Amino acid sequence: MSEEKKDLGDQAEEAGKDFKEEAKKTADEFKEGLKDVGGDNKKILAGILAILLGSLGVHKFILGYNKEGFILLGFSIVAYILVCFVIGAFLAWIPGIIGLIEGIIYLTKSDEEFYNTYQVGKKPWF
């Protein structure tokens, strides 16, 4: 009986080691998958936000360009206020067009090119 227990104990220990190795491998794969989704490369998020909320500069804040984000946001707020005086109607569309163009540019670049240009190279405009 004690030999059976010893064999079962060895089998359980071996199964535990296999499980530990498999769990570690799965965790590493999951970690790599998270990196690809949005860890370092923010291309898709920045591109979609640039198209939808580009006039508010949200995509600039996502990429870490706070100064440029505040410029777009401030320009938009001033233009919306000036709409009351008609001149704002001519200015309000400019930040939206900038966001649309930047969103299209972001989404058409390859992941590597986007990362090197906007996140490593810190190119703030177009």
N, C-alpha and C. Protein backbone atom coordinates (compact mmCIF):
# COMPACT_ATOMS: atom_id res chain seq x y z
N MET A 1 0.82 -1.19 0.00
CA MET A 1 0.00 0.00 0.00
C MET A 1 0.86 1.25 0.00
N SER A 2 1.93 1.26 0.77
CA SER A 2 2.75 2.46 0.85
C SER A 2 3.47 2.74 -0.47
N GLU A 3 3.76 1.68 -1.24
CA GLU A 3 4.38 1.89 -2.55
C GLU A 3 3.39 2.56 -3.50
N GLU A 4 2.12 2.19 -3.41
CA GLU A 4 1.09 2.82 -4.23
C GLU A 4 0.98 4.31 -3.90
N LYS A 5 1.02 4.63 -2.62
CA LYS A 5 0.95 6.02 -2.18
C LYS A 5 2.16 6.79 -2.69
N LYS A 6 3.33 6.15 -2.65
CA LYS A 6 4.54 6.80 -3.13
C LYS A 6 4.44 7.08 -4.64
N ASP A 7 3.93 6.10 -5.39
CA ASP A 7 3.75 6.28 -6.84
C ASP A 7 2.74 7.38 -7.13
N LEU A 8 1.64 7.37 -6.36
CA LEU A 8 0.64 8.42 -6.54
C LEU A 8 1.21 9.79 -6.20
N GLY A 9 2.01 9.85 -5.16
CA GLY A 9 2.65 11.11 -4.77
C GLY A 9 3.59 11.60 -5.85
N ASP A 10 4.37 10.69 -6.45
CA ASP A 10 5.29 11.07 -7.53
C ASP A 10 4.51 11.56 -8.75
N GLN A 11 3.41 10.84 -9.05
CA GLN A 11 2.57 11.25 -10.19
C GLN A 11 1.95 12.62 -9.94
N ALA A 12 1.50 12.85 -8.72
CA ALA A 12 0.89 14.14 -8.39
C ALA A 12 1.92 15.26 -8.48
N GLU A 13 3.13 14.97 -8.00
CA GLU A 13 4.20 15.97 -8.06
C GLU A 13 4.56 16.29 -9.51
N GLU A 14 4.64 15.28 -10.34
CA GLU A 14 4.93 15.47 -11.77
C GLU A 14 3.82 16.27 -12.46
N ALA A 15 2.58 15.92 -12.14
CA ALA A 15 1.45 16.66 -12.71
C ALA A 15 1.46 18.11 -12.26
N GLY A 16 1.82 18.35 -11.01
CA GLY A 16 1.91 19.72 -10.49
C GLY A 16 2.97 20.53 -11.22
N LYS A 17 4.12 19.92 -11.49
CA LYS A 17 5.19 20.61 -12.22
C LYS A 17 4.75 20.93 -13.65
N ASP A 18 4.09 19.95 -14.30
CA ASP A 18 3.59 20.19 -15.66
C ASP A 18 2.57 21.32 -15.68
N PHE A 19 1.68 21.31 -14.69
CA PHE A 19 0.67 22.36 -14.61
C PHE A 19 1.31 23.72 -14.40
N LYS A 20 2.31 23.78 -13.53
CA LYS A 20 3.00 25.04 -13.25
C LYS A 20 3.67 25.59 -14.52
N GLU A 21 4.36 24.72 -15.27
CA GLU A 21 5.01 25.14 -16.51
C GLU A 21 3.99 25.62 -17.53
N GLU A 22 2.90 24.90 -17.67
CA GLU A 22 1.86 25.29 -18.63
C GLU A 22 1.20 26.60 -18.23
N ALA A 23 0.95 26.80 -16.94
CA ALA A 23 0.35 28.05 -16.46
C ALA A 23 1.28 29.23 -16.72
N LYS A 24 2.56 29.02 -16.49
CA LYS A 24 3.53 30.09 -16.74
C LYS A 24 3.58 30.44 -18.22
N LYS A 25 3.57 29.43 -19.07
CA LYS A 25 3.59 29.65 -20.52
C LYS A 25 2.34 30.42 -20.96
N THR A 26 1.19 30.03 -20.45
CA THR A 26 -0.07 30.72 -20.78
C THR A 26 -0.05 32.16 -20.30
N ALA A 27 0.47 32.39 -19.10
CA ALA A 27 0.55 33.76 -18.57
C ALA A 27 1.47 34.62 -19.42
N ASP A 28 2.59 34.06 -19.87
CA ASP A 28 3.51 34.81 -20.74
C ASP A 28 2.85 35.14 -22.08
N GLU A 29 2.11 34.19 -22.65
CA GLU A 29 1.39 34.45 -23.91
C GLU A 29 0.34 35.54 -23.72
N PHE A 30 -0.36 35.50 -22.60
CA PHE A 30 -1.38 36.52 -22.30
C PHE A 30 -0.73 37.89 -22.16
N LYS A 31 0.41 37.94 -21.49
CA LYS A 31 1.13 39.19 -21.29
C LYS A 31 1.57 39.78 -22.63
N GLU A 32 2.07 38.94 -23.52
CA GLU A 32 2.46 39.39 -24.86
C GLU A 32 1.24 39.88 -25.65
N GLY A 33 0.12 39.20 -25.50
CA GLY A 33 -1.10 39.62 -26.18
C GLY A 33 -1.57 40.98 -25.71
N LEU A 34 -1.46 41.25 -24.42
CA LEU A 34 -1.84 42.57 -23.89
C LEU A 34 -0.95 43.67 -24.44
N LYS A 35 0.32 43.38 -24.62
CA LYS A 35 1.22 44.38 -25.19
C LYS A 35 0.77 44.75 -26.59
N ASP A 36 0.39 43.74 -27.39
CA ASP A 36 -0.02 43.99 -28.76
C ASP A 36 -1.32 44.77 -28.83
N VAL A 37 -2.23 44.55 -27.89
CA VAL A 37 -3.53 45.20 -27.94
C VAL A 37 -3.44 46.69 -27.69
N GLY A 38 -2.75 47.12 -26.70
CA GLY A 38 -2.74 48.54 -26.44
C GLY A 38 -1.65 49.00 -25.51
N GLY A 39 -0.74 48.13 -25.21
CA GLY A 39 0.32 48.51 -24.30
C GLY A 39 1.16 49.65 -24.82
N ASP A 40 1.95 49.41 -25.82
CA ASP A 40 2.84 50.44 -26.33
C ASP A 40 2.30 51.10 -27.59
N ASN A 41 1.63 50.37 -28.43
CA ASN A 41 1.18 50.91 -29.69
C ASN A 41 -0.29 51.33 -29.58
N LYS A 42 -0.54 52.62 -29.69
CA LYS A 42 -1.88 53.17 -29.50
C LYS A 42 -2.49 53.62 -30.83
N LYS A 43 -2.08 53.01 -31.92
CA LYS A 43 -2.47 53.45 -33.25
C LYS A 43 -3.98 53.43 -33.45
N ILE A 44 -4.62 52.33 -33.19
CA ILE A 44 -6.05 52.21 -33.47
C ILE A 44 -6.86 53.13 -32.57
N LEU A 45 -6.54 53.15 -31.28
CA LEU A 45 -7.25 54.02 -30.35
C LEU A 45 -7.09 55.49 -30.75
N ALA A 46 -5.87 55.90 -31.03
CA ALA A 46 -5.62 57.30 -31.41
C ALA A 46 -6.30 57.63 -32.74
N GLY A 47 -6.27 56.71 -33.69
CA GLY A 47 -6.88 56.95 -34.99
C GLY A 47 -8.39 57.11 -34.91
N ILE A 48 -9.04 56.24 -34.18
CA ILE A 48 -10.51 56.32 -34.05
C ILE A 48 -10.92 57.56 -33.27
N LEU A 49 -10.21 57.85 -32.19
CA LEU A 49 -10.53 59.06 -31.42
C LEU A 49 -10.26 60.32 -32.22
N ALA A 50 -9.23 60.31 -33.07
CA ALA A 50 -8.95 61.47 -33.91
C ALA A 50 -10.09 61.71 -34.89
N ILE A 51 -10.65 60.65 -35.43
CA ILE A 51 -11.76 60.81 -36.38
C ILE A 51 -13.03 61.24 -35.66
N LEU A 52 -13.33 60.64 -34.51
CA LEU A 52 -14.58 60.95 -33.82
C LEU A 52 -14.52 62.22 -32.98
N LEU A 53 -13.42 62.43 -32.24
CA LEU A 53 -13.32 63.57 -31.32
C LEU A 53 -12.08 64.41 -31.61
N GLY A 54 -11.68 64.44 -32.86
CA GLY A 54 -10.45 65.14 -33.23
C GLY A 54 -10.46 66.61 -32.93
N SER A 55 -11.60 67.24 -33.00
CA SER A 55 -11.64 68.69 -32.76
C SER A 55 -11.34 69.01 -31.30
N LEU A 56 -11.52 68.05 -30.41
CA LEU A 56 -11.24 68.27 -28.99
C LEU A 56 -9.82 67.88 -28.61
N GLY A 57 -9.07 67.31 -29.55
CA GLY A 57 -7.68 66.95 -29.30
C GLY A 57 -7.47 65.73 -28.43
N VAL A 58 -8.49 64.90 -28.30
CA VAL A 58 -8.39 63.72 -27.43
C VAL A 58 -7.26 62.80 -27.88
N HIS A 59 -7.08 62.63 -29.18
CA HIS A 59 -6.04 61.75 -29.69
C HIS A 59 -4.65 62.25 -29.33
N LYS A 60 -4.49 63.55 -29.22
CA LYS A 60 -3.19 64.12 -28.82
C LYS A 60 -2.87 63.77 -27.37
N PHE A 61 -3.90 63.85 -26.52
CA PHE A 61 -3.69 63.49 -25.11
C PHE A 61 -3.34 62.01 -24.97
N ILE A 62 -3.97 61.14 -25.77
CA ILE A 62 -3.70 59.71 -25.74
C ILE A 62 -2.24 59.43 -26.09
N LEU A 63 -1.71 60.17 -27.05
CA LEU A 63 -0.33 59.96 -27.49
C LEU A 63 0.68 60.69 -26.61
N GLY A 64 0.20 61.48 -25.66
CA GLY A 64 1.11 62.17 -24.75
C GLY A 64 1.51 63.56 -25.19
N TYR A 65 0.85 64.10 -26.22
CA TYR A 65 1.14 65.45 -26.70
C TYR A 65 0.17 66.42 -26.03
N ASN A 66 0.40 66.72 -24.78
CA ASN A 66 -0.54 67.54 -24.02
C ASN A 66 -0.63 68.97 -24.55
N LYS A 67 0.50 69.57 -24.91
CA LYS A 67 0.49 70.94 -25.42
C LYS A 67 -0.37 71.04 -26.69
N GLU A 68 -0.16 70.11 -27.60
CA GLU A 68 -0.92 70.12 -28.85
C GLU A 68 -2.40 69.82 -28.60
N GLY A 69 -2.68 68.95 -27.63
CA GLY A 69 -4.07 68.64 -27.27
C GLY A 69 -4.78 69.87 -26.73
N PHE A 70 -4.10 70.63 -25.87
CA PHE A 70 -4.70 71.85 -25.34
C PHE A 70 -4.87 72.91 -26.42
N ILE A 71 -3.97 72.95 -27.40
CA ILE A 71 -4.13 73.89 -28.52
C ILE A 71 -5.41 73.58 -29.29
N LEU A 72 -5.62 72.31 -29.64
CA LEU A 72 -6.84 71.94 -30.37
C LEU A 72 -8.09 72.19 -29.52
N LEU A 73 -8.03 71.81 -28.26
CA LEU A 73 -9.17 72.00 -27.38
C LEU A 73 -9.49 73.48 -27.21
N GLY A 74 -8.48 74.28 -26.97
CA GLY A 74 -8.69 75.72 -26.80
C GLY A 74 -9.22 76.38 -28.06
N PHE A 75 -8.68 76.00 -29.20
CA PHE A 75 -9.15 76.56 -30.47
C PHE A 75 -10.62 76.20 -30.68
N SER A 76 -10.99 74.97 -30.37
CA SER A 76 -12.38 74.54 -30.54
C SER A 76 -13.31 75.31 -29.62
N ILE A 77 -12.91 75.48 -28.37
CA ILE A 77 -13.76 76.21 -27.42
C ILE A 77 -13.95 77.65 -27.86
N VAL A 78 -12.87 78.31 -28.28
CA VAL A 78 -12.97 79.70 -28.75
C VAL A 78 -13.86 79.78 -29.98
N ALA A 79 -13.70 78.82 -30.90
CA ALA A 79 -14.52 78.83 -32.12
C ALA A 79 -16.00 78.63 -31.78
N TYR A 80 -16.30 77.72 -30.84
CA TYR A 80 -17.70 77.50 -30.45
C TYR A 80 -18.31 78.74 -29.79
N ILE A 81 -17.50 79.45 -29.02
CA ILE A 81 -17.98 80.68 -28.41
C ILE A 81 -18.22 81.75 -29.48
N LEU A 82 -17.33 81.81 -30.46
CA LEU A 82 -17.46 82.82 -31.52
C LEU A 82 -18.56 82.50 -32.52
N VAL A 83 -19.12 81.29 -32.46
CA VAL A 83 -20.25 80.97 -33.35
C VAL A 83 -21.39 81.96 -33.12
N CYS A 84 -21.50 82.45 -31.90
CA CYS A 84 -22.54 83.45 -31.59
C CYS A 84 -22.33 84.73 -32.42
N PHE A 85 -21.11 84.99 -32.81
CA PHE A 85 -20.79 86.19 -33.58
C PHE A 85 -20.53 85.87 -35.04
N VAL A 86 -20.96 84.74 -35.51
CA VAL A 86 -20.90 84.26 -36.89
C VAL A 86 -19.49 83.90 -37.35
N ILE A 87 -18.48 84.61 -36.90
CA ILE A 87 -17.12 84.30 -37.36
C ILE A 87 -16.69 82.90 -36.91
N GLY A 88 -17.22 82.43 -35.79
CA GLY A 88 -16.89 81.10 -35.29
C GLY A 88 -17.34 80.00 -36.22
N ALA A 89 -18.37 80.24 -37.01
CA ALA A 89 -18.85 79.24 -37.95
C ALA A 89 -17.78 78.92 -38.99
N PHE A 90 -16.95 79.90 -39.29
CA PHE A 90 -15.86 79.68 -40.25
C PHE A 90 -14.64 79.02 -39.60
N LEU A 91 -14.53 79.13 -38.29
CA LEU A 91 -13.38 78.58 -37.57
C LEU A 91 -13.65 77.22 -36.93
N ALA A 92 -14.90 76.91 -36.65
CA ALA A 92 -15.24 75.71 -35.87
C ALA A 92 -14.90 74.41 -36.59
N TRP A 93 -14.87 74.39 -37.88
CA TRP A 93 -14.61 73.16 -38.62
C TRP A 93 -13.12 72.83 -38.74
N ILE A 94 -12.24 73.79 -38.51
CA ILE A 94 -10.81 73.58 -38.71
C ILE A 94 -10.23 72.48 -37.81
N PRO A 95 -10.46 72.49 -36.49
CA PRO A 95 -9.90 71.41 -35.66
C PRO A 95 -10.48 70.03 -36.00
N GLY A 96 -11.73 70.00 -36.42
CA GLY A 96 -12.34 68.73 -36.83
C GLY A 96 -11.68 68.16 -38.06
N ILE A 97 -11.36 69.02 -39.02
CA ILE A 97 -10.68 68.57 -40.24
C ILE A 97 -9.26 68.08 -39.90
N ILE A 98 -8.60 68.80 -39.00
CA ILE A 98 -7.26 68.36 -38.57
C ILE A 98 -7.34 66.98 -37.93
N GLY A 99 -8.32 66.76 -37.06
CA GLY A 99 -8.49 65.45 -36.42
C GLY A 99 -8.81 64.36 -37.43
N LEU A 100 -9.66 64.66 -38.39
CA LEU A 100 -10.02 63.68 -39.42
C LEU A 100 -8.79 63.28 -40.23
N ILE A 101 -8.02 64.27 -40.66
CA ILE A 101 -6.82 63.98 -41.45
C ILE A 101 -5.82 63.17 -40.63
N GLU A 102 -5.59 63.57 -39.38
CA GLU A 102 -4.65 62.83 -38.55
C GLU A 102 -5.13 61.42 -38.27
N GLY A 103 -6.43 61.25 -38.05
CA GLY A 103 -6.97 59.91 -37.83
C GLY A 103 -6.74 59.00 -39.01
N ILE A 104 -6.97 59.52 -40.21
CA ILE A 104 -6.74 58.73 -41.42
C ILE A 104 -5.27 58.39 -41.57
N ILE A 105 -4.41 59.37 -41.30
CA ILE A 105 -2.96 59.12 -41.38
C ILE A 105 -2.55 58.05 -40.38
N TYR A 106 -3.04 58.15 -39.14
CA TYR A 106 -2.68 57.18 -38.11
C TYR A 106 -3.09 55.77 -38.53
N LEU A 107 -4.30 55.63 -39.04
CA LEU A 107 -4.82 54.30 -39.36
C LEU A 107 -4.22 53.70 -40.62
N THR A 108 -3.67 54.54 -41.51
CA THR A 108 -3.10 54.00 -42.74
C THR A 108 -1.62 53.65 -42.60
N LYS A 109 -0.98 54.08 -41.55
CA LYS A 109 0.42 53.73 -41.32
C LYS A 109 0.51 52.32 -40.75
N SER A 110 1.64 51.65 -41.03
CA SER A 110 1.87 50.35 -40.42
C SER A 110 2.11 50.55 -38.93
N ASP A 111 1.95 49.48 -38.15
CA ASP A 111 2.15 49.58 -36.71
C ASP A 111 3.56 50.06 -36.37
N GLU A 112 4.54 49.52 -37.06
CA GLU A 112 5.93 49.89 -36.79
C GLU A 112 6.19 51.34 -37.17
N GLU A 113 5.69 51.75 -38.33
CA GLU A 113 5.89 53.13 -38.77
C GLU A 113 5.20 54.12 -37.83
N PHE A 114 3.98 53.80 -37.39
CA PHE A 114 3.26 54.66 -36.45
C PHE A 114 4.03 54.77 -35.14
N TYR A 115 4.48 53.64 -34.63
CA TYR A 115 5.20 53.63 -33.35
C TYR A 115 6.48 54.46 -33.45
N ASN A 116 7.23 54.27 -34.53
CA ASN A 116 8.49 54.99 -34.68
C ASN A 116 8.27 56.49 -34.90
N THR A 117 7.22 56.86 -35.61
CA THR A 117 6.98 58.27 -35.93
C THR A 117 6.37 59.03 -34.77
N TYR A 118 5.31 58.51 -34.18
CA TYR A 118 4.53 59.29 -33.22
C TYR A 118 4.83 58.98 -31.75
N GLN A 119 5.35 57.79 -31.47
CA GLN A 119 5.61 57.46 -30.08
C GLN A 119 7.10 57.52 -29.74
N VAL A 120 7.95 57.11 -30.64
CA VAL A 120 9.39 57.20 -30.40
C VAL A 120 9.91 58.55 -30.90
N GLY A 121 9.54 58.90 -32.14
CA GLY A 121 10.03 60.14 -32.75
C GLY A 121 9.33 61.39 -32.25
N LYS A 122 8.19 61.23 -31.59
CA LYS A 122 7.42 62.35 -31.01
C LYS A 122 7.11 63.44 -32.04
N LYS A 123 6.57 63.05 -33.19
CA LYS A 123 6.14 64.01 -34.21
C LYS A 123 4.71 64.43 -33.88
N PRO A 124 4.49 65.66 -33.40
CA PRO A 124 3.17 66.03 -32.88
C PRO A 124 2.10 66.34 -33.94
N TRP A 125 2.47 66.86 -35.09
CA TRP A 125 1.45 67.24 -36.08
C TRP A 125 1.66 66.46 -37.37
N PHE A 126 0.58 65.99 -37.92
CA PHE A 126 0.54 65.24 -39.18
C PHE A 126 1.73 64.33 -39.27
